[in-house]
C-alpha atoms as a PDB file:
ATOM      1  CA  UNK A   1      15.535 -17.006   7.209  1.00  0.00           C
ATOM      2  CA  UNK A   2      15.001 -15.958   3.619  1.00  0.00           C
ATOM      3  CA  UNK A   3      13.131 -12.738   2.903  1.00  0.00           C
ATOM      4  CA  UNK A   4       9.723 -14.368   2.506  1.00  0.00           C
ATOM      5  CA  UNK A   5      10.054 -16.435   5.693  1.00  0.00           C
ATOM      6  CA  UNK A   6      11.081 -13.308   7.611  1.00  0.00           C
ATOM      7  CA  UNK A   7       8.130 -11.207   6.440  1.00  0.00           C
ATOM      8  CA  UNK A   8       5.563 -13.940   7.053  1.00  0.00           C
ATOM      9  CA  UNK A   9       6.965 -14.568  10.521  1.00  0.00           C
ATOM     10  CA  UNK A  10       6.691 -10.857  11.333  1.00  0.00           C
ATOM     11  CA  UNK A  11       3.091 -10.748  10.141  1.00  0.00           C
ATOM     12  CA  UNK A  12       2.275 -13.735  12.339  1.00  0.00           C
ATOM     13  CA  UNK A  13       4.296 -12.344  15.298  1.00  0.00           C
ATOM     14  CA  UNK A  14       6.469 -15.443  15.302  1.00  0.00           C
ATOM     15  CA  UNK A  15      10.138 -15.539  16.287  1.00  0.00           C
ATOM     16  CA  UNK A  16      12.452 -14.082  13.647  1.00  0.00           C
ATOM     17  CA  UNK A  17      16.100 -13.206  13.276  1.00  0.00           C
ATOM     18  CA  UNK A  18      15.402  -9.492  12.690  1.00  0.00           C
ATOM     19  CA  UNK A  19      12.566  -7.296  11.404  1.00  0.00           C
ATOM     20  CA  UNK A  20      12.059  -7.215   7.640  1.00  0.00           C
ATOM     21  CA  UNK A  21      12.497  -3.967   5.676  1.00  0.00           C
ATOM     22  CA  UNK A  22       9.967  -3.456   2.905  1.00  0.00           C
ATOM     23  CA  UNK A  23       8.061  -0.908   0.858  1.00  0.00           C
ATOM     24  CA  UNK A  24       4.860  -2.402  -0.539  1.00  0.00           C
ATOM     25  CA  UNK A  25       4.327  -0.660  -3.862  1.00  0.00           C
ATOM     26  CA  UNK A  26       0.979   0.657  -5.015  1.00  0.00           C
ATOM     27  CA  UNK A  27       0.320   3.909  -3.175  1.00  0.00           C
ATOM     28  CA  UNK A  28       3.583   3.308  -1.302  1.00  0.00           C
ATOM     29  CA  UNK A  29       5.673   3.187  -4.450  1.00  0.00           C
ATOM     30  CA  UNK A  30       9.407   2.733  -4.066  1.00  0.00           C
ATOM     31  CA  UNK A  31      10.615   3.337  -7.625  1.00  0.00           C
ATOM     32  CA  UNK A  32      13.254   6.057  -7.711  1.00  0.00           C
ATOM     33  CA  UNK A  33      14.871   8.060 -10.511  1.00  0.00           C
ATOM     34  CA  UNK A  34      18.210   6.451  -9.737  1.00  0.00           C
ATOM     35  CA  UNK A  35      16.711   2.979 -10.114  1.00  0.00           C
ATOM     36  CA  UNK A  36      15.030   4.086 -13.350  1.00  0.00           C
ATOM     37  CA  UNK A  37      18.359   5.292 -14.715  1.00  0.00           C
ATOM     38  CA  UNK A  38      20.129   2.066 -13.736  1.00  0.00           C
ATOM     39  CA  UNK A  39      17.746  -0.166 -15.633  1.00  0.00           C
ATOM     40  CA  UNK A  40      16.697   2.255 -18.364  1.00  0.00           C
ATOM     41  CA  UNK A  41      13.045   1.965 -17.406  1.00  0.00           C
ATOM     42  CA  UNK A  42      11.315   5.219 -16.570  1.00  0.00           C
ATOM     43  CA  UNK A  43       7.943   6.566 -15.564  1.00  0.00           C
ATOM     44  CA  UNK A  44       5.474   7.049 -17.140  1.00  0.00           C
ATOM     45  CA  UNK A  45       6.315   4.223 -19.619  1.00  0.00           C
ATOM     46  CA  UNK A  46       6.926   1.763 -16.769  1.00  0.00           C
ATOM     47  CA  UNK A  47       3.292   2.144 -15.710  1.00  0.00           C
ATOM     48  CA  UNK A  48       2.155   0.595 -19.006  1.00  0.00           C
ATOM     49  CA  UNK A  49       5.024  -1.478 -20.394  1.00  0.00           C
ATOM     50  CA  UNK A  50       5.327  -5.009 -18.985  1.00  0.00           C
ATOM     51  CA  UNK A  51       9.064  -5.378 -19.510  1.00  0.00           C
ATOM     52  CA  UNK A  52       9.849  -1.979 -18.003  1.00  0.00           C
ATOM     53  CA  UNK A  53       7.560  -2.561 -15.031  1.00  0.00           C
ATOM     54  CA  UNK A  54       9.284  -5.891 -14.228  1.00  0.00           C
ATOM     55  CA  UNK A  55      12.834  -4.621 -14.720  1.00  0.00           C
ATOM     56  CA  UNK A  56      12.209  -1.535 -12.583  1.00  0.00           C
ATOM     57  CA  UNK A  57      10.708  -3.581  -9.750  1.00  0.00           C
ATOM     58  CA  UNK A  58      13.667  -5.987  -9.843  1.00  0.00           C
ATOM     59  CA  UNK A  59      16.178  -3.108  -9.822  1.00  0.00           C
ATOM     60  CA  UNK A  60      14.546  -1.551  -6.761  1.00  0.00           C
ATOM     61  CA  UNK A  61      14.762  -4.864  -4.958  1.00  0.00           C
ATOM     62  CA  UNK A  62      18.279  -5.759  -6.030  1.00  0.00           C
ATOM     63  CA  UNK A  63      19.881  -2.305  -5.685  1.00  0.00           C
ATOM     64  CA  UNK A  64      17.805  -0.697  -2.940  1.00  0.00           C
ATOM     65  CA  UNK A  65      18.168  -3.391  -0.305  1.00  0.00           C
ATOM     66  CA  UNK A  66      14.424  -3.596   0.369  1.00  0.00           C
ATOM     67  CA  UNK A  67      13.154  -7.095   0.937  1.00  0.00           C
ATOM     68  CA  UNK A  68      10.095  -7.413  -1.279  1.00  0.00           C
ATOM     69  CA  UNK A  69       8.869  -7.224  -4.818  1.00  0.00           C
ATOM     70  CA  UNK A  70       5.874  -5.077  -5.681  1.00  0.00           C
ATOM     71  CA  UNK A  71       3.936  -3.496  -8.529  1.00  0.00           C
ATOM     72  CA  UNK A  72       2.291  -1.248  -9.610  1.00  0.00           C
ATOM     73  CA  UNK A  73       3.981   2.083  -8.885  1.00  0.00           C
ATOM     74  CA  UNK A  74       0.789   4.047  -8.186  1.00  0.00           C
ATOM     75  CA  UNK A  75      -2.761   3.739  -6.840  1.00  0.00           C
ATOM     76  CA  UNK A  76      -4.726   4.505 -10.008  1.00  0.00           C
ATOM     77  CA  UNK A  77      -5.057   1.077 -11.628  1.00  0.00           C
ATOM     78  CA  UNK A  78      -8.469   0.314 -10.142  1.00  0.00           C
ATOM     79  CA  UNK A  79      -9.881   3.802 -10.694  1.00  0.00           C
ATOM     80  CA  UNK A  80      -8.757   3.863 -14.343  1.00  0.00           C
ATOM     81  CA  UNK A  81     -10.285   0.439 -14.918  1.00  0.00           C
ATOM     82  CA  UNK A  82     -13.623   1.759 -13.623  1.00  0.00           C
ATOM     83  CA  UNK A  83     -13.684   4.866 -15.773  1.00  0.00           C
ATOM     84  CA  UNK A  84     -11.556   7.557 -14.121  1.00  0.00           C
ATOM     85  CA  UNK A  85      -9.327   9.727 -16.267  1.00  0.00           C
ATOM     86  CA  UNK A  86      -5.681   9.504 -15.181  1.00  0.00           C
ATOM     87  CA  UNK A  87      -2.741  11.840 -15.687  1.00  0.00           C
ATOM     88  CA  UNK A  88       0.297   9.529 -15.768  1.00  0.00           C
ATOM     89  CA  UNK A  89       2.740  12.237 -14.678  1.00  0.00           C
ATOM     90  CA  UNK A  90       6.427  12.058 -15.475  1.00  0.00           C
ATOM     91  CA  UNK A  91       9.567  10.494 -14.045  1.00  0.00           C
ATOM     92  CA  UNK A  92       9.181  12.580 -10.873  1.00  0.00           C
ATOM     93  CA  UNK A  93       5.426  12.318 -10.259  1.00  0.00           C
ATOM     94  CA  UNK A  94       3.071   9.405  -9.785  1.00  0.00           C
ATOM     95  CA  UNK A  95      -0.144   9.035 -11.804  1.00  0.00           C
ATOM     96  CA  UNK A  96      -3.220  10.724 -10.371  1.00  0.00           C
ATOM     97  CA  UNK A  97      -6.914  10.852 -11.106  1.00  0.00           C
ATOM     98  CA  UNK A  98      -7.852  14.109 -12.817  1.00  0.00           C
ATOM     99  CA  UNK A  99     -11.515  13.370 -13.613  1.00  0.00           C
ATOM    100  CA  UNK A 100     -13.982  11.199 -11.739  1.00  0.00           C
ATOM    101  CA  UNK A 101     -16.549   9.429 -13.929  1.00  0.00           C
ATOM    102  CA  UNK A 102     -19.487   9.948 -11.543  1.00  0.00           C
ATOM    103  CA  UNK A 103     -20.988  12.903  -9.742  1.00  0.00           C
ATOM    104  CA  UNK A 104     -23.196  11.380  -7.041  1.00  0.00           C
ATOM    105  CA  UNK A 105     -22.759   7.874  -5.701  1.00  0.00           C
ATOM    106  CA  UNK A 106     -26.108   6.938  -7.268  1.00  0.00           C
ATOM    107  CA  UNK A 107     -24.523   7.216 -10.709  1.00  0.00           C
ATOM    108  CA  UNK A 108     -21.907   4.677  -9.720  1.00  0.00           C
ATOM    109  CA  UNK A 109     -24.630   2.331  -8.504  1.00  0.00           C
ATOM    110  CA  UNK A 110     -26.498   2.635 -11.801  1.00  0.00           C
ATOM    111  CA  UNK A 111     -23.406   2.037 -13.930  1.00  0.00           C
ATOM    112  CA  UNK A 112     -22.368  -1.250 -15.496  1.00  0.00           C
ATOM    113  CA  UNK A 113     -18.852  -1.750 -14.071  1.00  0.00           C
ATOM    114  CA  UNK A 114     -16.572  -4.353 -15.613  1.00  0.00           C
ATOM    115  CA  UNK A 115     -14.159  -6.476 -13.529  1.00  0.00           C
ATOM    116  CA  UNK A 116     -10.987  -4.578 -12.748  1.00  0.00           C
ATOM    117  CA  UNK A 117      -8.760  -7.426 -13.902  1.00  0.00           C
ATOM    118  CA  UNK A 118     -10.127  -7.131 -17.436  1.00  0.00           C
ATOM    119  CA  UNK A 119      -8.596  -3.673 -17.935  1.00  0.00           C
ATOM    120  CA  UNK A 120      -5.367  -3.474 -19.959  1.00  0.00           C
ATOM    121  CA  UNK A 121      -3.219  -2.041 -17.163  1.00  0.00           C
ATOM    122  CA  UNK A 122      -4.518  -4.492 -14.569  1.00  0.00           C
ATOM    123  CA  UNK A 123      -3.587  -7.290 -16.957  1.00  0.00           C
ATOM    124  CA  UNK A 124      -0.049  -5.866 -17.203  1.00  0.00           C
ATOM    125  CA  UNK A 125       0.212  -5.739 -13.402  1.00  0.00           C
ATOM    126  CA  UNK A 126      -0.901  -9.367 -13.113  1.00  0.00           C
ATOM    127  CA  UNK A 127       1.580 -10.496 -15.777  1.00  0.00           C
ATOM    128  CA  UNK A 128       4.346  -8.500 -14.059  1.00  0.00           C
ATOM    129  CA  UNK A 129       3.574 -10.212 -10.760  1.00  0.00           C
ATOM    130  CA  UNK A 130       3.887 -13.631 -12.400  1.00  0.00           C
ATOM    131  CA  UNK A 131       7.238 -12.727 -13.884  1.00  0.00           C
ATOM    132  CA  UNK A 132       8.514 -11.282 -10.622  1.00  0.00           C
ATOM    133  CA  UNK A 133       7.425 -14.420  -8.775  1.00  0.00           C
ATOM    134  CA  UNK A 134       9.464 -16.535 -11.173  1.00  0.00           C
ATOM    135  CA  UNK A 135      12.480 -14.233 -11.201  1.00  0.00           C
ATOM    136  CA  UNK A 136      12.982 -13.980  -7.402  1.00  0.00           C
ATOM    137  CA  UNK A 137      11.342 -17.018  -5.764  1.00  0.00           C
ATOM    138  CA  UNK A 138      12.835 -16.288  -2.302  1.00  0.00           C
ATOM    139  CA  UNK A 139      11.649 -12.652  -2.155  1.00  0.00           C
ATOM    140  CA  UNK A 140       8.146 -11.914  -0.913  1.00  0.00           C
ATOM    141  CA  UNK A 141       5.800 -10.747  -3.651  1.00  0.00           C
ATOM    142  CA  UNK A 142       3.209  -8.230  -2.463  1.00  0.00           C
ATOM    143  CA  UNK A 143      -0.108  -7.558  -4.122  1.00  0.00           C
ATOM    144  CA  UNK A 144      -1.673  -4.111  -3.873  1.00  0.00           C
ATOM    145  CA  UNK A 145      -5.222  -2.828  -3.688  1.00  0.00           C
ATOM    146  CA  UNK A 146      -6.741   0.586  -3.138  1.00  0.00           C
ATOM    147  CA  UNK A 147      -9.178   0.527  -0.222  1.00  0.00           C
ATOM    148  CA  UNK A 148     -12.923   0.930  -0.767  1.00  0.00           C
ATOM    149  CA  UNK A 149     -13.231   4.520   0.505  1.00  0.00           C
ATOM    150  CA  UNK A 150     -10.240   5.766  -1.494  1.00  0.00           C
ATOM    151  CA  UNK A 151     -11.489   4.015  -4.619  1.00  0.00           C
ATOM    152  CA  UNK A 152     -14.995   5.483  -4.405  1.00  0.00           C
ATOM    153  CA  UNK A 153     -13.461   8.898  -3.726  1.00  0.00           C
ATOM    154  CA  UNK A 154     -11.568   8.455  -7.024  1.00  0.00           C
ATOM    155  CA  UNK A 155     -14.749   7.568  -8.897  1.00  0.00           C
ATOM    156  CA  UNK A 156     -17.211  10.045  -7.356  1.00  0.00           C
ATOM    157  CA  UNK A 157     -16.417  13.746  -7.031  1.00  0.00           C
ATOM    158  CA  UNK A 158     -14.675  13.816  -3.638  1.00  0.00           C
ATOM    159  CA  UNK A 159     -16.395  16.888  -2.194  1.00  0.00           C
ATOM    160  CA  UNK A 160     -19.766  15.473  -3.055  1.00  0.00           C
ATOM    161  CA  UNK A 161     -18.818  12.023  -1.777  1.00  0.00           C
ATOM    162  CA  UNK A 162     -17.805  13.336   1.665  1.00  0.00           C
ATOM    163  CA  UNK A 163     -21.054  15.273   1.944  1.00  0.00           C
ATOM    164  CA  UNK A 164     -22.980  12.189   0.973  1.00  0.00           C
ATOM    165  CA  UNK A 165     -21.364  10.279   3.819  1.00  0.00           C
ATOM    166  CA  UNK A 166     -23.444  12.452   6.124  1.00  0.00           C
ATOM    167  CA  UNK A 167     -26.467  13.285   3.997  1.00  0.00           C
ATOM    168  CA  UNK A 168     -26.948  10.060   2.012  1.00  0.00           C
ATOM    169  CA  UNK A 169     -25.178   7.324   3.972  1.00  0.00           C
ATOM    170  CA  UNK A 170     -27.184   4.533   2.381  1.00  0.00           C
ATOM    171  CA  UNK A 171     -26.038   5.455  -1.117  1.00  0.00           C
ATOM    172  CA  UNK A 172     -22.442   5.630   0.115  1.00  0.00           C
ATOM    173  CA  UNK A 173     -22.813   2.290   1.878  1.00  0.00           C
ATOM    174  CA  UNK A 174     -24.082   0.644  -1.294  1.00  0.00           C
ATOM    175  CA  UNK A 175     -21.329   2.239  -3.417  1.00  0.00           C
ATOM    176  CA  UNK A 176     -18.672   0.996  -1.023  1.00  0.00           C
ATOM    177  CA  UNK A 177     -20.111  -2.490  -1.054  1.00  0.00           C
ATOM    178  CA  UNK A 178     -20.201  -2.504  -4.841  1.00  0.00           C
ATOM    179  CA  UNK A 179     -16.548  -1.548  -5.292  1.00  0.00           C
ATOM    180  CA  UNK A 180     -15.607  -3.979  -2.528  1.00  0.00           C
ATOM    181  CA  UNK A 181     -16.964  -6.845  -4.625  1.00  0.00           C
ATOM    182  CA  UNK A 182     -14.734  -5.666  -7.492  1.00  0.00           C
ATOM    183  CA  UNK A 183     -11.715  -5.320  -5.215  1.00  0.00           C
ATOM    184  CA  UNK A 184     -12.177  -8.813  -3.785  1.00  0.00           C
ATOM    185  CA  UNK A 185     -12.145 -10.269  -7.294  1.00  0.00           C
ATOM    186  CA  UNK A 186      -9.054  -8.276  -8.350  1.00  0.00           C
ATOM    187  CA  UNK A 187      -7.273  -9.137  -5.123  1.00  0.00           C
ATOM    188  CA  UNK A 188      -7.890 -12.835  -5.664  1.00  0.00           C
ATOM    189  CA  UNK A 189      -6.490 -12.504  -9.184  1.00  0.00           C
ATOM    190  CA  UNK A 190      -3.298 -11.099  -7.644  1.00  0.00           C
ATOM    191  CA  UNK A 191      -3.182 -13.882  -5.074  1.00  0.00           C
ATOM    192  CA  UNK A 192      -3.381 -16.314  -7.965  1.00  0.00           C
ATOM    193  CA  UNK A 193      -0.084 -14.985  -9.346  1.00  0.00           C
ATOM    194  CA  UNK A 194       1.685 -16.169  -6.188  1.00  0.00           C
ATOM    195  CA  UNK A 195       1.467 -13.107  -3.932  1.00  0.00           C
ATOM    196  CA  UNK A 196       2.769 -13.867  -0.452  1.00  0.00           C
ATOM    197  CA  UNK A 197       0.842 -11.017   1.161  1.00  0.00           C
ATOM    198  CA  UNK A 198      -1.692  -8.387   0.137  1.00  0.00           C
ATOM    199  CA  UNK A 199      -1.536  -4.687   0.948  1.00  0.00           C
ATOM    200  CA  UNK A 200      -4.626  -2.477   1.103  1.00  0.00           C
ATOM    201  CA  UNK A 201      -3.957   1.263   1.076  1.00  0.00           C
ATOM    202  CA  UNK A 202      -6.944   3.356   2.053  1.00  0.00           C
ATOM    203  CA  UNK A 203      -5.463   6.796   2.688  1.00  0.00           C
ATOM    204  CA  UNK A 204      -8.802   8.586   2.384  1.00  0.00           C
ATOM    205  CA  UNK A 205     -10.222   6.583   5.298  1.00  0.00           C
ATOM    206  CA  UNK A 206      -8.148   8.572   7.766  1.00  0.00           C
ATOM    207  CA  UNK A 207      -9.567   9.749  11.040  1.00  0.00           C
ATOM    208  CA  UNK A 208      -8.997  13.369  10.100  1.00  0.00           C
ATOM    209  CA  UNK A 209     -11.356  13.017   7.133  1.00  0.00           C
ATOM    210  CA  UNK A 210     -14.072  10.586   8.161  1.00  0.00           C
ATOM    211  CA  UNK A 211     -13.729  10.483  11.956  1.00  0.00           C
ATOM    212  CA  UNK A 212     -14.403   7.531  14.260  1.00  0.00           C
ATOM    213  CA  UNK A 213     -18.236   7.552  13.942  1.00  0.00           C
ATOM    214  CA  UNK A 214     -18.346   7.440  10.156  1.00  0.00           C
ATOM    215  CA  UNK A 215     -15.428   5.030  10.098  1.00  0.00           C
ATOM    216  CA  UNK A 216     -17.351   2.595  12.251  1.00  0.00           C
ATOM    217  CA  UNK A 217     -20.618   3.012  10.365  1.00  0.00           C
ATOM    218  CA  UNK A 218     -19.473   3.233   6.732  1.00  0.00           C
ATOM    219  CA  UNK A 219     -15.787   2.323   6.385  1.00  0.00           C
ATOM    220  CA  UNK A 220     -15.295  -0.618   8.719  1.00  0.00           C
ATOM    221  CA  UNK A 221     -17.903  -3.023   7.239  1.00  0.00           C
ATOM    222  CA  UNK A 222     -16.656  -3.065   3.602  1.00  0.00           C
ATOM    223  CA  UNK A 223     -12.994  -2.815   4.615  1.00  0.00           C
ATOM    224  CA  UNK A 224     -13.327  -5.747   6.995  1.00  0.00           C
ATOM    225  CA  UNK A 225     -15.165  -7.775   4.357  1.00  0.00           C
ATOM    226  CA  UNK A 226     -12.401  -7.092   1.846  1.00  0.00           C
ATOM    227  CA  UNK A 227      -9.695  -8.122   4.312  1.00  0.00           C
ATOM    228  CA  UNK A 228     -11.467 -11.301   5.395  1.00  0.00           C
ATOM    229  CA  UNK A 229     -12.179 -12.284   1.782  1.00  0.00           C
ATOM    230  CA  UNK A 230      -8.511 -11.936   0.875  1.00  0.00           C
ATOM    231  CA  UNK A 231      -7.343 -13.818   3.950  1.00  0.00           C
ATOM    232  CA  UNK A 232      -9.722 -16.649   3.122  1.00  0.00           C
ATOM    233  CA  UNK A 233      -7.831 -16.977  -0.166  1.00  0.00           C
ATOM    234  CA  UNK A 234      -4.585 -17.594   1.709  1.00  0.00           C
ATOM    235  CA  UNK A 235      -2.155 -14.732   2.324  1.00  0.00           C
ATOM    236  CA  UNK A 236      -1.984 -12.273   5.226  1.00  0.00           C
ATOM    237  CA  UNK A 237      -3.129  -8.690   4.708  1.00  0.00           C
ATOM    238  CA  UNK A 238      -1.352  -5.420   5.546  1.00  0.00           C
ATOM    239  CA  UNK A 239      -3.599  -2.368   5.927  1.00  0.00           C
ATOM    240  CA  UNK A 240      -2.292   1.184   5.444  1.00  0.00           C
ATOM    241  CA  UNK A 241      -4.312   4.146   6.672  1.00  0.00           C
ATOM    242  CA  UNK A 242      -2.869   7.638   6.442  1.00  0.00           C
ATOM    243  CA  UNK A 243      -3.000  10.377   9.064  1.00  0.00           C
ATOM    244  CA  UNK A 244      -2.874  10.263  12.829  1.00  0.00           C
ATOM    245  CA  UNK A 245      -5.036   7.228  13.346  1.00  0.00           C
ATOM    246  CA  UNK A 246      -4.752   6.978  17.114  1.00  0.00           C
ATOM    247  CA  UNK A 247      -8.424   7.922  17.423  1.00  0.00           C
ATOM    248  CA  UNK A 248      -9.301   4.977  15.151  1.00  0.00           C
ATOM    249  CA  UNK A 249      -7.197   2.439  17.045  1.00  0.00           C
ATOM    250  CA  UNK A 250     -10.142   0.795  18.878  1.00  0.00           C
ATOM    251  CA  UNK A 251     -11.831   0.225  15.511  1.00  0.00           C
ATOM    252  CA  UNK A 252      -8.800  -0.833  13.507  1.00  0.00           C
ATOM    253  CA  UNK A 253      -8.331  -3.913  15.636  1.00  0.00           C
ATOM    254  CA  UNK A 254     -11.653  -5.171  14.249  1.00  0.00           C
ATOM    255  CA  UNK A 255     -10.639  -4.933  10.575  1.00  0.00           C
ATOM    256  CA  UNK A 256      -9.090  -8.396  10.608  1.00  0.00           C
ATOM    257  CA  UNK A 257      -5.818  -7.074   9.158  1.00  0.00           C
ATOM    258  CA  UNK A 258      -2.642  -8.958  10.032  1.00  0.00           C
ATOM    259  CA  UNK A 259      -0.583  -5.764  10.201  1.00  0.00           C
ATOM    260  CA  UNK A 260      -1.190  -2.029  10.347  1.00  0.00           C
ATOM    261  CA  UNK A 261       1.060   0.289   8.300  1.00  0.00           C
ATOM    262  CA  UNK A 262       1.086   3.872   9.520  1.00  0.00           C
ATOM    263  CA  UNK A 263       1.985   7.402   8.510  1.00  0.00           C
ATOM    264  CA  UNK A 264       4.932   9.352   9.840  1.00  0.00           C
ATOM    265  CA  UNK A 265       2.670  11.485  12.055  1.00  0.00           C
ATOM    266  CA  UNK A 266       1.809   8.455  14.176  1.00  0.00           C
ATOM    267  CA  UNK A 267       3.718   7.870  17.406  1.00  0.00           C
ATOM    268  CA  UNK A 268       4.521   4.156  17.129  1.00  0.00           C
ATOM    269  CA  UNK A 269       5.048   3.664  20.844  1.00  0.00           C
ATOM    270  CA  UNK A 270       1.646   5.162  21.675  1.00  0.00           C
ATOM    271  CA  UNK A 271      -0.015   3.104  18.973  1.00  0.00           C
ATOM    272  CA  UNK A 272       1.690  -0.034  20.327  1.00  0.00           C
ATOM    273  CA  UNK A 273       0.090   0.680  23.694  1.00  0.00           C
ATOM    274  CA  UNK A 274      -3.356   0.857  22.082  1.00  0.00           C
ATOM    275  CA  UNK A 275      -2.829  -2.134  19.786  1.00  0.00           C
ATOM    276  CA  UNK A 276      -0.518  -4.414  21.783  1.00  0.00           C
ATOM    277  CA  UNK A 277      -1.310  -7.556  19.767  1.00  0.00           C
ATOM    278  CA  UNK A 278      -1.314  -6.183  16.219  1.00  0.00           C
ATOM    279  CA  UNK A 279       1.913  -6.144  14.185  1.00  0.00           C
ATOM    280  CA  UNK A 280       2.867  -2.596  13.211  1.00  0.00           C
ATOM    281  CA  UNK A 281       4.717  -1.411  10.129  1.00  0.00           C
ATOM    282  CA  UNK A 282       6.429   1.918   9.499  1.00  0.00           C
ATOM    283  CA  UNK A 283       7.042   4.677   9.600  1.00  0.00           C
ATOM    284  CA  UNK A 284      10.147   6.607   8.511  1.00  0.00           C
ATOM    285  CA  UNK A 285       9.190  10.013   7.126  1.00  0.00           C
ATOM    286  CA  UNK A 286       9.686   9.983   3.334  1.00  0.00           C
ATOM    287  CA  UNK A 287      11.318  13.436   3.444  1.00  0.00           C
ATOM    288  CA  UNK A 288      13.824  12.213   6.011  1.00  0.00           C
ATOM    289  CA  UNK A 289      14.527   9.187   3.851  1.00  0.00           C
ATOM    290  CA  UNK A 290      15.102  11.438   0.839  1.00  0.00           C
ATOM    291  CA  UNK A 291      17.250  14.027   2.641  1.00  0.00           C
ATOM    292  CA  UNK A 292      19.318  11.668   4.778  1.00  0.00           C
ATOM    293  CA  UNK A 293      22.135  11.487   5.553  1.00  0.00           C
ATOM    294  CA  UNK A 294      22.462   7.729   6.068  1.00  0.00           C
ATOM    295  CA  UNK A 295      23.516   8.284   9.677  1.00  0.00           C
ATOM    296  CA  UNK A 296      20.216  10.012  10.409  1.00  0.00           C
ATOM    297  CA  UNK A 297      18.282   7.190   8.804  1.00  0.00           C
ATOM    298  CA  UNK A 298      20.208   4.612  10.856  1.00  0.00           C
ATOM    299  CA  UNK A 299      19.579   6.622  14.030  1.00  0.00           C
ATOM    300  CA  UNK A 300      15.812   6.632  13.405  1.00  0.00           C
ATOM    301  CA  UNK A 301      15.876   2.909  12.705  1.00  0.00           C
ATOM    302  CA  UNK A 302      17.705   2.082  15.916  1.00  0.00           C
ATOM    303  CA  UNK A 303      15.893   4.484  18.234  1.00  0.00           C
ATOM    304  CA  UNK A 304      12.345   4.429  16.828  1.00  0.00           C
ATOM    305  CA  UNK A 305      11.799   1.792  14.151  1.00  0.00           C
ATOM    306  CA  UNK A 306      13.312  -1.312  15.725  1.00  0.00           C
ATOM    307  CA  UNK A 307      11.976  -0.723  19.250  1.00  0.00           C
ATOM    308  CA  UNK A 308       8.372  -0.114  18.107  1.00  0.00           C
ATOM    309  CA  UNK A 309       7.747  -1.644  14.685  1.00  0.00           C
ATOM    310  CA  UNK A 310       7.498  -5.289  13.636  1.00  0.00           C
ATOM    311  CA  UNK A 311       8.265  -4.334  10.023  1.00  0.00           C
ATOM    312  CA  UNK A 312      10.530  -1.434   9.094  1.00  0.00           C
ATOM    313  CA  UNK A 313       9.221   0.653   6.177  1.00  0.00           C
ATOM    314  CA  UNK A 314       8.905   4.165   4.845  1.00  0.00           C
ATOM    315  CA  UNK A 315       5.756   5.903   6.065  1.00  0.00           C
ATOM    316  CA  UNK A 316       4.245   6.459   2.624  1.00  0.00           C
ATOM    317  CA  UNK A 317       5.504   6.586  -0.943  1.00  0.00           C
ATOM    318  CA  UNK A 318       9.241   7.058  -1.385  1.00  0.00           C
ATOM    319  CA  UNK A 319      10.128  10.391  -2.958  1.00  0.00           C
ATOM    320  CA  UNK A 320      11.420   9.561  -6.484  1.00  0.00           C
ATOM    321  CA  UNK A 321      14.598  11.584  -5.951  1.00  0.00           C
ATOM    322  CA  UNK A 322      15.557   9.505  -2.901  1.00  0.00           C
ATOM    323  CA  UNK A 323      19.084   8.043  -3.368  1.00  0.00           C
ATOM    324  CA  UNK A 324      19.302   4.289  -3.418  1.00  0.00           C
ATOM    325  CA  UNK A 325      22.067   4.612  -0.822  1.00  0.00           C
ATOM    326  CA  UNK A 326      19.477   5.933   1.626  1.00  0.00           C
ATOM    327  CA  UNK A 327      17.231   2.903   1.029  1.00  0.00           C
ATOM    328  CA  UNK A 328      20.250   0.672   1.596  1.00  0.00           C
ATOM    329  CA  UNK A 329      21.052   2.565   4.798  1.00  0.00           C
ATOM    330  CA  UNK A 330      17.561   1.825   6.117  1.00  0.00           C
ATOM    331  CA  UNK A 331      17.930  -1.881   5.295  1.00  0.00           C
ATOM    332  CA  UNK A 332      21.443  -2.062   6.708  1.00  0.00           C
ATOM    333  CA  UNK A 333      20.460  -0.407   9.963  1.00  0.00           C
ATOM    334  CA  UNK A 334      17.736  -2.983  10.471  1.00  0.00           C
ATOM    335  CA  UNK A 335      20.202  -5.769   9.717  1.00  0.00           C
ATOM    336  CA  UNK A 336      22.723  -4.355  12.192  1.00  0.00           C
ATOM    337  CA  UNK A 337      20.084  -4.416  14.869  1.00  0.00           C
ATOM    338  CA  UNK A 338      22.010  -2.343  17.424  1.00  0.00           C
ATOM    339  CA  UNK A 339      23.381   1.134  17.131  1.00  0.00           C
ATOM    340  CA  UNK A 340      27.097   1.349  16.623  1.00  0.00           C
END
C-alpha cells in the first residue's frame, strides 16, 4: 500500500498492512527546528511565505518519516481572517491570538464577515496545498480546520463566551452556526486542492470546559453539520478534541467523524471499549516524543499505540525542539509492528 491507500483504509477500518503514522498539521503542527534548519525555512516566515511553507512541509515528510503532508503550522488562520490579532511567535512558538475582535457574541452576529478563503494567509495555505499535492502524489494531503467552538472562542473574549454558553445560549448557538457556514466554505476550498482527508481540531470543546450537557446542546449540532458537509464533498474527516473526553464518548459517536484523534490523557483502551466501531488516532505524549529516547518511543508504540489505535500519531502539536530522529523512531516502530 502507498501512504494514501494506507491512511484511507485505516479511516474506513478496512484491511491494511500496518497502521499509518501521521501528524495532521494545523493545531497539531509537526514542524521542528531541525527540519527548519535543514531546509532553511523558519517560523515565523514560513507562516506567510508560500515557498517556505511548502519546503518546510516537504522536509518534515521526507526527513521525519511521517506519512502525510499538511499545512498550516498553527490554528490561527481562520481567526486572523475574521479579525483577530495574531502574534506570530518565533521559531520555537506557534502563532496565537492576542486580541479577539468581539466582546459579546452579539457583536459577531452583527458583523459583516468575509469568506475565510479570501484572506491573504488562507490563500497561501490553499496554494501550498496545491503545490504539495503535485510534489508528492502518493502521500496523503490533509486539510485543516479549527472547530466551531474554538474559532468562536478566538473571536469573542473567551471568559465572556463561556459565560454566555450558560446565560445566553441562543446567541452562542447563532454565533456557532455563523462560523460553521464560513468553515464549511473554507473546508471545501481545501478539498478542492486535492485533500485526501480533512482534520477538524476543536480543543476548546473538551469535556473539562463545556461538559456533556453543553456539548450536546451547543457543540454537537454545528460540529456535526460541519463534518457532514465536508464528507458530502468527498473526503473522510478526522476530529480532534483535547482533554479527557471519556465523558463525551456517547456524544462523539454522533458527530459523523470517520476517526477520533485524542489527547495523551485519554486511555485508548478504555476509549476503544466505549467507541468500539470508531477508528481512533493517537496519542503519544508530545513531551515523551521530544525527550525520547527512541527506545522509549518504540516501547510506547508497541505496547500502547499499535494495540489500541488505528492510526499512530502524537497526541497534540509536536514540540518544535523534538529531534527528527524521534519522529523517525515512531514511524519505524509502527513499521516493525512487533517489539524486538
